[in-house]
Amino acid sequence: MHALDGQIGQELWQFKLGGPVHFAPSIVVGIAYVASADHQLYALDSQTGQVLWQFTADDLTTKPIVTDGVVYFGDDSGQLYAVWAGVSEK
């Protein structure tokens, strides 16, 4: 995963995930929530790429959606997850 400066296109950081990403990340309050095919939901600092936390599930089959401080996503076993986002939305 690569983060680019939106004005000049220069790479800000990169982070190697354990599998491909099939959905765009959700970015809320400076945190990028990324569902990877390596069975992980990652919360990355959007400025540095540092892993803030990760959560293991079956194959993630939906884009993570963040609302009211909770990340919602589904997996291929039919489970719907609601995980605390680790931030307070402003």
PDB file of N, CA and C in Angstrom:
ATOM      1  N   MET A   1       0.856  -1.157   0.000  1.00  0.00           N
ATOM      2  CA  MET A   1       0.000   0.000   0.000  1.00  0.00           C
ATOM      3  C   MET A   1       0.901   1.219   0.000  1.00  0.00           C
ATOM      4  N   HIS A   2       0.532   2.199  -0.816  1.00  0.00           N
ATOM      5  CA  HIS A   2       1.314   3.420  -0.941  1.00  0.00           C
ATOM      6  C   HIS A   2       0.432   4.621  -0.630  1.00  0.00           C
ATOM      7  N   ALA A   3       0.984   5.597   0.045  1.00  0.00           N
ATOM      8  CA  ALA A   3       0.300   6.873   0.262  1.00  0.00           C
ATOM      9  C   ALA A   3       1.063   7.939  -0.503  1.00  0.00           C
ATOM     10  N   LEU A   4       0.323   8.742  -1.258  1.00  0.00           N
ATOM     11  CA  LEU A   4       0.935   9.788  -2.072  1.00  0.00           C
ATOM     12  C   LEU A   4       0.469  11.163  -1.619  1.00  0.00           C
ATOM     13  N   ASP A   5       1.326  12.152  -1.775  1.00  0.00           N
ATOM     14  CA  ASP A   5       0.953  13.540  -1.557  1.00  0.00           C
ATOM     15  C   ASP A   5      -0.015  13.920  -2.673  1.00  0.00           C
ATOM     16  N   GLY A   6      -1.203  14.384  -2.319  1.00  0.00           N
ATOM     17  CA  GLY A   6      -2.238  14.686  -3.304  1.00  0.00           C
ATOM     18  C   GLY A   6      -1.924  15.862  -4.204  1.00  0.00           C
ATOM     19  N   GLN A   7      -0.987  16.722  -3.823  1.00  0.00           N
ATOM     20  CA  GLN A   7      -0.674  17.892  -4.637  1.00  0.00           C
ATOM     21  C   GLN A   7       0.461  17.635  -5.620  1.00  0.00           C
ATOM     22  N   ILE A   8       1.492  16.921  -5.184  1.00  0.00           N
ATOM     23  CA  ILE A   8       2.645  16.732  -6.061  1.00  0.00           C
ATOM     24  C   ILE A   8       2.864  15.278  -6.478  1.00  0.00           C
ATOM     25  N   GLY A   9       2.101  14.363  -5.895  1.00  0.00           N
ATOM     26  CA  GLY A   9       2.202  12.957  -6.285  1.00  0.00           C
ATOM     27  C   GLY A   9       3.386  12.212  -5.705  1.00  0.00           C
ATOM     28  N   GLN A  10       4.141  12.842  -4.829  1.00  0.00           N
ATOM     29  CA  GLN A  10       5.307  12.195  -4.213  1.00  0.00           C
ATOM     30  C   GLN A  10       4.848  11.177  -3.166  1.00  0.00           C
ATOM     31  N   GLU A  11       5.536  10.034  -3.142  1.00  0.00           N
ATOM     32  CA  GLU A  11       5.202   9.004  -2.158  1.00  0.00           C
ATOM     33  C   GLU A  11       5.536   9.498  -0.755  1.00  0.00           C
ATOM     34  N   LEU A  12       4.560   9.351   0.152  1.00  0.00           N
ATOM     35  CA  LEU A  12       4.760   9.723   1.557  1.00  0.00           C
ATOM     36  C   LEU A  12       5.255   8.537   2.369  1.00  0.00           C
ATOM     37  N   TRP A  13       4.663   7.364   2.110  1.00  0.00           N
ATOM     38  CA  TRP A  13       5.068   6.145   2.803  1.00  0.00           C
ATOM     39  C   TRP A  13       4.516   4.948   2.045  1.00  0.00           C
ATOM     40  N   GLN A  14       5.020   3.772   2.420  1.00  0.00           N
ATOM     41  CA  GLN A  14       4.473   2.524   1.897  1.00  0.00           C
ATOM     42  C   GLN A  14       4.451   1.490   3.018  1.00  0.00           C
ATOM     43  N   PHE A  15       3.535   0.555   2.895  1.00  0.00           N
ATOM     44  CA  PHE A  15       3.386  -0.500   3.894  1.00  0.00           C
ATOM     45  C   PHE A  15       3.094  -1.786   3.142  1.00  0.00           C
ATOM     46  N   LYS A  16       3.858  -2.833   3.419  1.00  0.00           N
ATOM     47  CA  LYS A  16       3.656  -4.117   2.754  1.00  0.00           C
ATOM     48  C   LYS A  16       2.630  -4.933   3.532  1.00  0.00           C
ATOM     49  N   LEU A  17       1.509  -5.209   2.875  1.00  0.00           N
ATOM     50  CA  LEU A  17       0.465  -6.054   3.444  1.00  0.00           C
ATOM     51  C   LEU A  17       0.769  -7.500   3.119  1.00  0.00           C
ATOM     52  N   GLY A  18       0.123  -8.422   3.827  1.00  0.00           N
ATOM     53  CA  GLY A  18       0.350  -9.837   3.600  1.00  0.00           C
ATOM     54  C   GLY A  18      -0.471 -10.428   2.472  1.00  0.00           C
ATOM     55  N   GLY A  19      -1.269  -9.599   1.792  1.00  0.00           N
ATOM     56  CA  GLY A  19      -2.098 -10.065   0.690  1.00  0.00           C
ATOM     57  C   GLY A  19      -2.644  -8.883  -0.071  1.00  0.00           C
ATOM     58  N   PRO A  20      -3.329  -9.142  -1.189  1.00  0.00           N
ATOM     59  CA  PRO A  20      -3.879  -8.040  -1.981  1.00  0.00           C
ATOM     60  C   PRO A  20      -5.030  -7.334  -1.279  1.00  0.00           C
ATOM     61  N   VAL A  21      -5.304  -6.134  -1.741  1.00  0.00           N
ATOM     62  CA  VAL A  21      -6.415  -5.326  -1.229  1.00  0.00           C
ATOM     63  C   VAL A  21      -7.428  -5.192  -2.357  1.00  0.00           C
ATOM     64  N   HIS A  22      -8.682  -5.580  -2.096  1.00  0.00           N
ATOM     65  CA  HIS A  22      -9.711  -5.553  -3.125  1.00  0.00           C
ATOM     66  C   HIS A  22     -10.673  -4.380  -2.988  1.00  0.00           C
ATOM     67  N   PHE A  23     -10.544  -3.611  -1.915  1.00  0.00           N
ATOM     68  CA  PHE A  23     -11.445  -2.492  -1.653  1.00  0.00           C
ATOM     69  C   PHE A  23     -10.629  -1.266  -1.260  1.00  0.00           C
ATOM     70  N   ALA A  24     -11.110  -0.105  -1.628  1.00  0.00           N
ATOM     71  CA  ALA A  24     -10.448   1.128  -1.210  1.00  0.00           C
ATOM     72  C   ALA A  24     -10.513   1.239   0.310  1.00  0.00           C
ATOM     73  N   PRO A  25      -9.463   1.761   0.932  1.00  0.00           N
ATOM     74  CA  PRO A  25      -9.514   1.941   2.380  1.00  0.00           C
ATOM     75  C   PRO A  25     -10.510   3.033   2.756  1.00  0.00           C
ATOM     76  N   SER A  26     -10.985   2.980   3.972  1.00  0.00           N
ATOM     77  CA  SER A  26     -11.773   4.069   4.539  1.00  0.00           C
ATOM     78  C   SER A  26     -10.839   4.887   5.409  1.00  0.00           C
ATOM     79  N   ILE A  27     -10.861   6.198   5.227  1.00  0.00           N
ATOM     80  CA  ILE A  27      -9.983   7.061   6.014  1.00  0.00           C
ATOM     81  C   ILE A  27     -10.837   7.995   6.848  1.00  0.00           C
ATOM     82  N   VAL A  28     -10.674   7.891   8.170  1.00  0.00           N
ATOM     83  CA  VAL A  28     -11.451   8.684   9.111  1.00  0.00           C
ATOM     84  C   VAL A  28     -10.516   9.189  10.194  1.00  0.00           C
ATOM     85  N   VAL A  29     -10.541  10.491  10.431  1.00  0.00           N
ATOM     86  CA  VAL A  29      -9.760  11.135  11.490  1.00  0.00           C
ATOM     87  C   VAL A  29      -8.300  10.681  11.469  1.00  0.00           C
ATOM     88  N   GLY A  30      -7.699  10.669  10.281  1.00  0.00           N
ATOM     89  CA  GLY A  30      -6.282  10.369  10.166  1.00  0.00           C
ATOM     90  C   GLY A  30      -5.911   8.907  10.265  1.00  0.00           C
ATOM     91  N   ILE A  31      -6.892   8.013  10.198  1.00  0.00           N
ATOM     92  CA  ILE A  31      -6.618   6.576  10.240  1.00  0.00           C
ATOM     93  C   ILE A  31      -7.186   5.930   8.979  1.00  0.00           C
ATOM     94  N   ALA A  32      -6.352   5.135   8.310  1.00  0.00           N
ATOM     95  CA  ALA A  32      -6.781   4.384   7.132  1.00  0.00           C
ATOM     96  C   ALA A  32      -7.116   2.962   7.570  1.00  0.00           C
ATOM     97  N   TYR A  33      -8.345   2.535   7.315  1.00  0.00           N
ATOM     98  CA  TYR A  33      -8.800   1.183   7.643  1.00  0.00           C
ATOM     99  C   TYR A  33      -8.756   0.371   6.355  1.00  0.00           C
ATOM    100  N   VAL A  34      -7.911  -0.662   6.337  1.00  0.00           N
ATOM    101  CA  VAL A  34      -7.634  -1.411   5.117  1.00  0.00           C
ATOM    102  C   VAL A  34      -7.966  -2.883   5.327  1.00  0.00           C
ATOM    103  N   ALA A  35      -8.843  -3.434   4.488  1.00  0.00           N
ATOM    104  CA  ALA A  35      -9.174  -4.859   4.510  1.00  0.00           C
ATOM    105  C   ALA A  35      -8.265  -5.569   3.515  1.00  0.00           C
ATOM    106  N   SER A  36      -7.460  -6.499   4.000  1.00  0.00           N
ATOM    107  CA  SER A  36      -6.504  -7.207   3.156  1.00  0.00           C
ATOM    108  C   SER A  36      -6.904  -8.675   3.021  1.00  0.00           C
ATOM    109  N   ALA A  37      -6.513  -9.286   1.900  1.00  0.00           N
ATOM    110  CA  ALA A  37      -6.792 -10.702   1.673  1.00  0.00           C
ATOM    111  C   ALA A  37      -5.944 -11.611   2.564  1.00  0.00           C
ATOM    112  N   ASP A  38      -5.093 -11.049   3.415  1.00  0.00           N
ATOM    113  CA  ASP A  38      -4.326 -11.852   4.368  1.00  0.00           C
ATOM    114  C   ASP A  38      -5.114 -12.064   5.668  1.00  0.00           C
ATOM    115  N   HIS A  39      -6.443 -11.845   5.599  1.00  0.00           N
ATOM    116  CA  HIS A  39      -7.359 -12.053   6.731  1.00  0.00           C
ATOM    117  C   HIS A  39      -7.204 -10.992   7.811  1.00  0.00           C
ATOM    118  N   GLN A  40      -6.680  -9.823   7.447  1.00  0.00           N
ATOM    119  CA  GLN A  40      -6.454  -8.768   8.435  1.00  0.00           C
ATOM    120  C   GLN A  40      -7.199  -7.497   8.049  1.00  0.00           C
ATOM    121  N   LEU A  41      -7.760  -6.851   9.060  1.00  0.00           N
ATOM    122  CA  LEU A  41      -8.205  -5.476   8.926  1.00  0.00           C
ATOM    123  C   LEU A  41      -7.141  -4.651   9.630  1.00  0.00           C
ATOM    124  N   TYR A  42      -6.506  -3.752   8.888  1.00  0.00           N
ATOM    125  CA  TYR A  42      -5.446  -2.916   9.436  1.00  0.00           C
ATOM    126  C   TYR A  42      -5.972  -1.514   9.707  1.00  0.00           C
ATOM    127  N   ALA A  43      -5.527  -0.928  10.809  1.00  0.00           N
ATOM    128  CA  ALA A  43      -5.730   0.493  11.075  1.00  0.00           C
ATOM    129  C   ALA A  43      -4.343   1.126  10.993  1.00  0.00           C
ATOM    130  N   LEU A  44      -4.141   1.958   9.960  1.00  0.00           N
ATOM    131  CA  LEU A  44      -2.842   2.572   9.722  1.00  0.00           C
ATOM    132  C   LEU A  44      -2.938   4.078   9.928  1.00  0.00           C
ATOM    133  N   ASP A  45      -1.929   4.655  10.550  1.00  0.00           N
ATOM    134  CA  ASP A  45      -1.847   6.107  10.649  1.00  0.00           C
ATOM    135  C   ASP A  45      -1.707   6.639   9.229  1.00  0.00           C
ATOM    136  N   SER A  46      -2.627   7.489   8.788  1.00  0.00           N
ATOM    137  CA  SER A  46      -2.613   7.934   7.394  1.00  0.00           C
ATOM    138  C   SER A  46      -1.462   8.891   7.081  1.00  0.00           C
ATOM    139  N   GLN A  47      -0.799   9.430   8.080  1.00  0.00           N
ATOM    140  CA  GLN A  47       0.334  10.317   7.844  1.00  0.00           C
ATOM    141  C   GLN A  47       1.663   9.575   7.778  1.00  0.00           C
ATOM    142  N   THR A  48       1.769   8.459   8.535  1.00  0.00           N
ATOM    143  CA  THR A  48       3.051   7.758   8.645  1.00  0.00           C
ATOM    144  C   THR A  48       3.043   6.332   8.125  1.00  0.00           C
ATOM    145  N   GLY A  49       1.860   5.713   8.014  1.00  0.00           N
ATOM    146  CA  GLY A  49       1.759   4.317   7.612  1.00  0.00           C
ATOM    147  C   GLY A  49       1.985   3.343   8.752  1.00  0.00           C
ATOM    148  N   GLN A  50       2.179   3.853   9.952  1.00  0.00           N
ATOM    149  CA  GLN A  50       2.403   2.990  11.122  1.00  0.00           C
ATOM    150  C   GLN A  50       1.134   2.215  11.453  1.00  0.00           C
ATOM    151  N   VAL A  51       1.302   0.913  11.756  1.00  0.00           N
ATOM    152  CA  VAL A  51       0.161   0.082  12.159  1.00  0.00           C
ATOM    153  C   VAL A  51      -0.252   0.481  13.574  1.00  0.00           C
ATOM    154  N   LEU A  52      -1.504   0.883  13.713  1.00  0.00           N
ATOM    155  CA  LEU A  52      -2.039   1.228  15.026  1.00  0.00           C
ATOM    156  C   LEU A  52      -2.640  -0.003  15.692  1.00  0.00           C
ATOM    157  N   TRP A  53      -3.317  -0.825  14.893  1.00  0.00           N
ATOM    158  CA  TRP A  53      -3.829  -2.113  15.352  1.00  0.00           C
ATOM    159  C   TRP A  53      -4.244  -2.921  14.124  1.00  0.00           C
ATOM    160  N   GLN A  54      -4.467  -4.210  14.348  1.00  0.00           N
ATOM    161  CA  GLN A  54      -5.009  -5.069  13.301  1.00  0.00           C
ATOM    162  C   GLN A  54      -5.918  -6.106  13.931  1.00  0.00           C
ATOM    163  N   PHE A  55      -6.863  -6.588  13.110  1.00  0.00           N
ATOM    164  CA  PHE A  55      -7.880  -7.532  13.564  1.00  0.00           C
ATOM    165  C   PHE A  55      -7.953  -8.663  12.561  1.00  0.00           C
ATOM    166  N   THR A  56      -7.960  -9.903  13.041  1.00  0.00           N
ATOM    167  CA  THR A  56      -7.984 -11.082  12.180  1.00  0.00           C
ATOM    168  C   THR A  56      -9.412 -11.587  11.999  1.00  0.00           C
ATOM    169  N   ALA A  57      -9.774 -11.897  10.756  1.00  0.00           N
ATOM    170  CA  ALA A  57     -11.082 -12.475  10.424  1.00  0.00           C
ATOM    171  C   ALA A  57     -10.869 -13.425   9.249  1.00  0.00           C
ATOM    172  N   ASP A  58     -11.953 -14.080   8.786  1.00  0.00           N
ATOM    173  CA  ASP A  58     -11.859 -14.871   7.563  1.00  0.00           C
ATOM    174  C   ASP A  58     -11.619 -13.904   6.403  1.00  0.00           C
ATOM    175  N   ASP A  59     -11.681 -14.390   5.174  1.00  0.00           N
ATOM    176  CA  ASP A  59     -11.472 -13.507   4.025  1.00  0.00           C
ATOM    177  C   ASP A  59     -12.444 -12.337   4.087  1.00  0.00           C
ATOM    178  N   LEU A  60     -11.904 -11.137   4.162  1.00  0.00           N
ATOM    179  CA  LEU A  60     -12.739  -9.949   4.245  1.00  0.00           C
ATOM    180  C   LEU A  60     -13.354  -9.670   2.883  1.00  0.00           C
ATOM    181  N   THR A  61     -14.680  -9.521   2.848  1.00  0.00           N
ATOM    182  CA  THR A  61     -15.387  -9.423   1.578  1.00  0.00           C
ATOM    183  C   THR A  61     -16.101  -8.091   1.393  1.00  0.00           C
ATOM    184  N   THR A  62     -15.873  -7.150   2.279  1.00  0.00           N
ATOM    185  CA  THR A  62     -16.488  -5.833   2.140  1.00  0.00           C
ATOM    186  C   THR A  62     -15.472  -4.744   2.456  1.00  0.00           C
ATOM    187  N   LYS A  63     -15.754  -3.574   1.948  1.00  0.00           N
ATOM    188  CA  LYS A  63     -14.976  -2.392   2.303  1.00  0.00           C
ATOM    189  C   LYS A  63     -15.292  -2.056   3.757  1.00  0.00           C
ATOM    190  N   PRO A  64     -14.287  -1.714   4.561  1.00  0.00           N
ATOM    191  CA  PRO A  64     -14.589  -1.288   5.923  1.00  0.00           C
ATOM    192  C   PRO A  64     -15.320   0.054   5.908  1.00  0.00           C
ATOM    193  N   ILE A  65     -16.373   0.142   6.692  1.00  0.00           N
ATOM    194  CA  ILE A  65     -17.149   1.372   6.817  1.00  0.00           C
ATOM    195  C   ILE A  65     -17.078   1.813   8.267  1.00  0.00           C
ATOM    196  N   VAL A  66     -16.755   3.081   8.482  1.00  0.00           N
ATOM    197  CA  VAL A  66     -16.578   3.610   9.834  1.00  0.00           C
ATOM    198  C   VAL A  66     -17.664   4.624  10.115  1.00  0.00           C
ATOM    199  N   THR A  67     -18.356   4.422  11.230  1.00  0.00           N
ATOM    200  CA  THR A  67     -19.354   5.386  11.681  1.00  0.00           C
ATOM    201  C   THR A  67     -19.471   5.310  13.193  1.00  0.00           C
ATOM    202  N   ASP A  68     -19.626   6.451  13.816  1.00  0.00           N
ATOM    203  CA  ASP A  68     -19.779   6.532  15.272  1.00  0.00           C
ATOM    204  C   ASP A  68     -18.695   5.775  16.025  1.00  0.00           C
ATOM    205  N   GLY A  69     -17.455   5.817  15.517  1.00  0.00           N
ATOM    206  CA  GLY A  69     -16.332   5.192  16.206  1.00  0.00           C
ATOM    207  C   GLY A  69     -16.257   3.681  16.088  1.00  0.00           C
ATOM    208  N   VAL A  70     -17.025   3.083  15.158  1.00  0.00           N
ATOM    209  CA  VAL A  70     -17.035   1.631  14.970  1.00  0.00           C
ATOM    210  C   VAL A  70     -16.738   1.325  13.499  1.00  0.00           C
ATOM    211  N   VAL A  71     -15.886   0.316  13.263  1.00  0.00           N
ATOM    212  CA  VAL A  71     -15.588  -0.150  11.901  1.00  0.00           C
ATOM    213  C   VAL A  71     -16.448  -1.385  11.641  1.00  0.00           C
ATOM    214  N   TYR A  72     -17.224  -1.343  10.565  1.00  0.00           N
ATOM    215  CA  TYR A  72     -18.072  -2.467  10.176  1.00  0.00           C
ATOM    216  C   TYR A  72     -17.499  -3.096   8.908  1.00  0.00           C
ATOM    217  N   PHE A  73     -17.477  -4.427   8.864  1.00  0.00           N
ATOM    218  CA  PHE A  73     -17.027  -5.139   7.672  1.00  0.00           C
ATOM    219  C   PHE A  73     -17.515  -6.572   7.750  1.00  0.00           C
ATOM    220  N   GLY A  74     -17.537  -7.244   6.610  1.00  0.00           N
ATOM    221  CA  GLY A  74     -17.989  -8.629   6.557  1.00  0.00           C
ATOM    222  C   GLY A  74     -16.905  -9.539   6.029  1.00  0.00           C
ATOM    223  N   ASP A  75     -17.087 -10.839   6.264  1.00  0.00           N
ATOM    224  CA  ASP A  75     -16.134 -11.817   5.737  1.00  0.00           C
ATOM    225  C   ASP A  75     -16.876 -12.914   4.985  1.00  0.00           C
ATOM    226  N   ASP A  76     -16.113 -13.819   4.374  1.00  0.00           N
ATOM    227  CA  ASP A  76     -16.721 -14.833   3.510  1.00  0.00           C
ATOM    228  C   ASP A  76     -17.471 -15.921   4.266  1.00  0.00           C
ATOM    229  N   SER A  77     -17.373 -15.938   5.586  1.00  0.00           N
ATOM    230  CA  SER A  77     -18.151 -16.908   6.361  1.00  0.00           C
ATOM    231  C   SER A  77     -19.548 -16.377   6.674  1.00  0.00           C
ATOM    232  N   GLY A  78     -19.829 -15.138   6.226  1.00  0.00           N
ATOM    233  CA  GLY A  78     -21.136 -14.535   6.472  1.00  0.00           C
ATOM    234  C   GLY A  78     -21.193 -13.719   7.753  1.00  0.00           C
ATOM    235  N   GLN A  79     -20.065 -13.588   8.430  1.00  0.00           N
ATOM    236  CA  GLN A  79     -20.027 -12.807   9.668  1.00  0.00           C
ATOM    237  C   GLN A  79     -19.992 -11.315   9.350  1.00  0.00           C
ATOM    238  N   LEU A  80     -20.686 -10.532  10.144  1.00  0.00           N
ATOM    239  CA  LEU A  80     -20.594  -9.083  10.102  1.00  0.00           C
ATOM    240  C   LEU A  80     -19.908  -8.667  11.396  1.00  0.00           C
ATOM    241  N   TYR A  81     -18.841  -7.895  11.277  1.00  0.00           N
ATOM    242  CA  TYR A  81     -18.059  -7.471  12.432  1.00  0.00           C
ATOM    243  C   TYR A  81     -18.315  -6.002  12.724  1.00  0.00           C
ATOM    244  N   ALA A  82     -18.258  -5.661  13.996  1.00  0.00           N
ATOM    245  CA  ALA A  82     -18.299  -4.281  14.465  1.00  0.00           C
ATOM    246  C   ALA A  82     -17.144  -4.155  15.452  1.00  0.00           C
ATOM    247  N   VAL A  83     -16.104  -3.424  15.055  1.00  0.00           N
ATOM    248  CA  VAL A  83     -14.883  -3.320  15.844  1.00  0.00           C
ATOM    249  C   VAL A  83     -14.673  -1.860  16.209  1.00  0.00           C
ATOM    250  N   TRP A  84     -14.360  -1.579  17.462  1.00  0.00           N
ATOM    251  CA  TRP A  84     -14.087  -0.208  17.882  1.00  0.00           C
ATOM    252  C   TRP A  84     -12.977   0.354  17.018  1.00  0.00           C
ATOM    253  N   ALA A  85     -13.183   1.536  16.473  1.00  0.00           N
ATOM    254  CA  ALA A  85     -12.238   2.134  15.536  1.00  0.00           C
ATOM    255  C   ALA A  85     -10.973   2.672  16.208  1.00  0.00           C
ATOM    256  N   GLY A  86     -11.030   2.882  17.508  1.00  0.00           N
ATOM    257  CA  GLY A  86      -9.851   3.381  18.206  1.00  0.00           C
ATOM    258  C   GLY A  86      -9.677   4.878  18.107  1.00  0.00           C
ATOM    259  N   VAL A  87     -10.710   5.573  17.656  1.00  0.00           N
ATOM    260  CA  VAL A  87     -10.642   7.031  17.548  1.00  0.00           C
ATOM    261  C   VAL A  87     -11.987   7.627  17.966  1.00  0.00           C
ATOM    262  N   SER A  88     -11.969   8.898  18.245  1.00  0.00           N
ATOM    263  CA  SER A  88     -13.203   9.635  18.455  1.00  0.00           C
ATOM    264  C   SER A  88     -13.415  10.515  17.233  1.00  0.00           C
ATOM    265  N   GLU A  89     -14.494  10.300  16.514  1.00  0.00           N
ATOM    266  CA  GLU A  89     -14.753  11.097  15.323  1.00  0.00           C
ATOM    267  C   GLU A  89     -15.073  12.518  15.723  1.00  0.00           C
ATOM    268  N   LYS A  90     -14.667  13.462  14.879  1.00  0.00           N
ATOM    269  CA  LYS A  90     -14.925  14.881  15.148  1.00  0.00           C
ATOM    270  C   LYS A  90     -15.945  15.401  14.169  1.00  0.00           C
TER     271      LYS A  90
END
